[in-house]
Amino acid sequence: MAKLEQTLYGDFNQILERIETGILNGSMSATLEDASDFQNGNARCSVRVFERYSWSGSNRVSLNVTLFQGENGTIQLSAITAGGSQAMFFKINTFGEEAFLDKLRELL
């Protein structure tokens, strides 16, 4: 599992669109598995779950991206990858997870 947390500034919708488009166009096997959006007053939260095939790990990895904008306007991002290991009891070969997260880092 790999994780990225960051504070972002800008337009919430534009950032979300950039992430969605960039991830889906960044890999021919990337898919948007599901999405969820909440709003309460000026506070917003969007969750996106992406999946793609990892050639290096010969398996599929997922990327969960959460954007939260509170009353003060700053946007918090939390991104967590999973599924990149081939071992039964411990994690090995997590290159696919890191590569998926690196794509998101490029977009930001």
C-alpha atoms as a PDB file:
ATOM      1  CA  MET A   1       0.000   0.000   0.000  1.00  0.00           C
ATOM      2  CA  ALA A   2       1.215   3.486  -0.846  1.00  0.00           C
ATOM      3  CA  LYS A   3      -0.307   6.740   0.357  1.00  0.00           C
ATOM      4  CA  LEU A   4      -0.196  10.410  -0.627  1.00  0.00           C
ATOM      5  CA  GLU A   5      -1.742  13.235   1.397  1.00  0.00           C
ATOM      6  CA  GLN A   6      -1.601  16.832   0.269  1.00  0.00           C
ATOM      7  CA  THR A   7      -3.261  20.237   0.710  1.00  0.00           C
ATOM      8  CA  LEU A   8      -4.373  21.769  -2.583  1.00  0.00           C
ATOM      9  CA  TYR A   9      -5.593  25.202  -3.590  1.00  0.00           C
ATOM     10  CA  GLY A  10      -7.810  26.007  -6.539  1.00  0.00           C
ATOM     11  CA  ASP A  11     -11.170  25.137  -7.997  1.00  0.00           C
ATOM     12  CA  PHE A  12     -12.515  21.852  -6.592  1.00  0.00           C
ATOM     13  CA  ASN A  13     -14.267  20.835  -9.837  1.00  0.00           C
ATOM     14  CA  GLN A  14     -11.214  21.559 -11.984  1.00  0.00           C
ATOM     15  CA  ILE A  15      -8.916  19.567  -9.699  1.00  0.00           C
ATOM     16  CA  LEU A  16     -11.314  16.614  -9.648  1.00  0.00           C
ATOM     17  CA  GLU A  17     -11.689  16.703 -13.440  1.00  0.00           C
ATOM     18  CA  ARG A  18      -7.913  16.867 -13.906  1.00  0.00           C
ATOM     19  CA  ILE A  19      -7.444  13.820 -11.667  1.00  0.00           C
ATOM     20  CA  GLU A  20     -10.189  11.782 -13.352  1.00  0.00           C
ATOM     21  CA  THR A  21      -9.092  12.612 -16.891  1.00  0.00           C
ATOM     22  CA  GLY A  22      -5.383  12.247 -16.148  1.00  0.00           C
ATOM     23  CA  ILE A  23      -5.703   8.852 -14.465  1.00  0.00           C
ATOM     24  CA  LEU A  24      -8.017   7.430 -17.138  1.00  0.00           C
ATOM     25  CA  ASN A  25      -5.872   8.746 -19.996  1.00  0.00           C
ATOM     26  CA  GLY A  26      -2.630   7.767 -18.278  1.00  0.00           C
ATOM     27  CA  SER A  27      -3.068   4.033 -18.750  1.00  0.00           C
ATOM     28  CA  MET A  28      -4.947   2.063 -21.388  1.00  0.00           C
ATOM     29  CA  SER A  29      -6.190  -0.353 -18.701  1.00  0.00           C
ATOM     30  CA  ALA A  30      -7.311   2.314 -16.172  1.00  0.00           C
ATOM     31  CA  THR A  31     -10.989   2.368 -15.254  1.00  0.00           C
ATOM     32  CA  LEU A  32     -13.127   4.404 -12.892  1.00  0.00           C
ATOM     33  CA  GLU A  33     -14.705   1.696 -10.740  1.00  0.00           C
ATOM     34  CA  ASP A  34     -17.009   3.927  -8.693  1.00  0.00           C
ATOM     35  CA  ALA A  35     -17.559   7.476  -7.507  1.00  0.00           C
ATOM     36  CA  SER A  36     -19.283   9.172  -4.602  1.00  0.00           C
ATOM     37  CA  ASP A  37     -19.956  12.866  -3.915  1.00  0.00           C
ATOM     38  CA  PHE A  38     -21.263  14.641  -0.811  1.00  0.00           C
ATOM     39  CA  GLN A  39     -21.983  18.267  -0.011  1.00  0.00           C
ATOM     40  CA  ASN A  40     -23.118  19.975   3.186  1.00  0.00           C
ATOM     41  CA  GLY A  41     -23.248  23.739   2.960  1.00  0.00           C
ATOM     42  CA  ASN A  42     -19.889  24.825   1.565  1.00  0.00           C
ATOM     43  CA  ALA A  43     -18.158  21.575   2.582  1.00  0.00           C
ATOM     44  CA  ARG A  44     -17.636  18.980  -0.184  1.00  0.00           C
ATOM     45  CA  CYS A  45     -16.220  15.494  -0.408  1.00  0.00           C
ATOM     46  CA  SER A  46     -15.592  13.417  -3.541  1.00  0.00           C
ATOM     47  CA  VAL A  47     -14.307   9.854  -3.587  1.00  0.00           C
ATOM     48  CA  ARG A  48     -13.037   8.091  -6.711  1.00  0.00           C
ATOM     49  CA  VAL A  49     -11.862   4.487  -6.995  1.00  0.00           C
ATOM     50  CA  PHE A  50      -9.700   3.674 -10.012  1.00  0.00           C
ATOM     51  CA  GLU A  51      -8.217   0.371 -11.079  1.00  0.00           C
ATOM     52  CA  ARG A  52      -5.607  -0.609 -13.659  1.00  0.00           C
ATOM     53  CA  TYR A  53      -3.466  -3.533 -14.688  1.00  0.00           C
ATOM     54  CA  SER A  54       0.137  -3.494 -13.453  1.00  0.00           C
ATOM     55  CA  TRP A  55       2.505  -5.074 -15.979  1.00  0.00           C
ATOM     56  CA  SER A  56       5.346  -5.162 -13.458  1.00  0.00           C
ATOM     57  CA  GLY A  57       3.262  -7.026 -10.893  1.00  0.00           C
ATOM     58  CA  SER A  58       1.095  -9.005 -13.326  1.00  0.00           C
ATOM     59  CA  ASN A  59      -1.989  -8.018 -11.340  1.00  0.00           C
ATOM     60  CA  ARG A  60      -4.555  -5.240 -10.904  1.00  0.00           C
ATOM     61  CA  VAL A  61      -4.036  -2.346  -8.514  1.00  0.00           C
ATOM     62  CA  SER A  62      -6.557   0.131  -7.174  1.00  0.00           C
ATOM     63  CA  LEU A  63      -6.247   3.822  -6.362  1.00  0.00           C
ATOM     64  CA  ASN A  64      -8.698   5.468  -3.987  1.00  0.00           C
ATOM     65  CA  VAL A  65      -8.712   9.283  -4.220  1.00  0.00           C
ATOM     66  CA  THR A  66     -10.602  11.428  -1.713  1.00  0.00           C
ATOM     67  CA  LEU A  67     -10.921  15.200  -2.064  1.00  0.00           C
ATOM     68  CA  PHE A  68     -12.379  17.193   0.836  1.00  0.00           C
ATOM     69  CA  GLN A  69     -13.034  20.915   0.851  1.00  0.00           C
ATOM     70  CA  GLY A  70     -14.054  22.400   4.185  1.00  0.00           C
ATOM     71  CA  GLU A  71     -15.588  25.737   5.050  1.00  0.00           C
ATOM     72  CA  ASN A  72     -12.246  27.558   4.717  1.00  0.00           C
ATOM     73  CA  GLY A  73     -11.884  26.597   1.039  1.00  0.00           C
ATOM     74  CA  THR A  74      -8.660  24.589   1.173  1.00  0.00           C
ATOM     75  CA  ILE A  75      -8.805  21.145  -0.396  1.00  0.00           C
ATOM     76  CA  GLN A  76      -7.385  18.062   1.301  1.00  0.00           C
ATOM     77  CA  LEU A  77      -6.395  15.120  -0.865  1.00  0.00           C
ATOM     78  CA  SER A  78      -5.864  11.580   0.353  1.00  0.00           C
ATOM     79  CA  ALA A  79      -4.840   8.911  -2.151  1.00  0.00           C
ATOM     80  CA  ILE A  80      -4.230   5.276  -1.228  1.00  0.00           C
ATOM     81  CA  THR A  81      -3.265   2.394  -3.504  1.00  0.00           C
ATOM     82  CA  ALA A  82      -3.814  -1.303  -2.833  1.00  0.00           C
ATOM     83  CA  GLY A  83      -3.609  -4.684  -4.485  1.00  0.00           C
ATOM     84  CA  GLY A  84      -0.106  -4.618  -5.886  1.00  0.00           C
ATOM     85  CA  SER A  85       1.376  -7.510  -3.949  1.00  0.00           C
ATOM     86  CA  GLN A  86       1.628 -11.135  -5.005  1.00  0.00           C
ATOM     87  CA  ALA A  87       2.528 -12.674  -1.652  1.00  0.00           C
ATOM     88  CA  MET A  88       0.070 -14.412   0.639  1.00  0.00           C
ATOM     89  CA  PHE A  89       1.284 -13.266   4.085  1.00  0.00           C
ATOM     90  CA  PHE A  90       3.435 -10.184   3.463  1.00  0.00           C
ATOM     91  CA  LYS A  91       3.779  -7.526   0.796  1.00  0.00           C
ATOM     92  CA  ILE A  92       6.326  -7.908  -1.960  1.00  0.00           C
ATOM     93  CA  ASN A  93       6.506  -6.364  -5.420  1.00  0.00           C
ATOM     94  CA  THR A  94       4.539  -3.176  -4.751  1.00  0.00           C
ATOM     95  CA  PHE A  95       5.969  -1.442  -7.843  1.00  0.00           C
ATOM     96  CA  GLY A  96       2.538  -1.229  -9.468  1.00  0.00           C
ATOM     97  CA  GLU A  97       1.067   0.602  -6.491  1.00  0.00           C
ATOM     98  CA  GLU A  98       3.890   3.137  -6.449  1.00  0.00           C
ATOM     99  CA  ALA A  99       3.652   3.674 -10.212  1.00  0.00           C
ATOM    100  CA  PHE A 100      -0.100   4.322  -9.964  1.00  0.00           C
ATOM    101  CA  LEU A 101       0.474   6.884  -7.214  1.00  0.00           C
ATOM    102  CA  ASP A 102       3.326   8.464  -9.220  1.00  0.00           C
ATOM    103  CA  LYS A 103       0.859   9.156 -12.033  1.00  0.00           C
ATOM    104  CA  LEU A 104      -1.328  11.085  -9.599  1.00  0.00           C
ATOM    105  CA  ARG A 105       1.720  13.010  -8.319  1.00  0.00           C
ATOM    106  CA  GLU A 106       2.458  14.078 -11.920  1.00  0.00           C
ATOM    107  CA  LEU A 107      -1.101  15.383 -12.316  1.00  0.00           C
ATOM    108  CA  LEU A 108      -0.927  17.450  -9.151  1.00  0.00           C
END
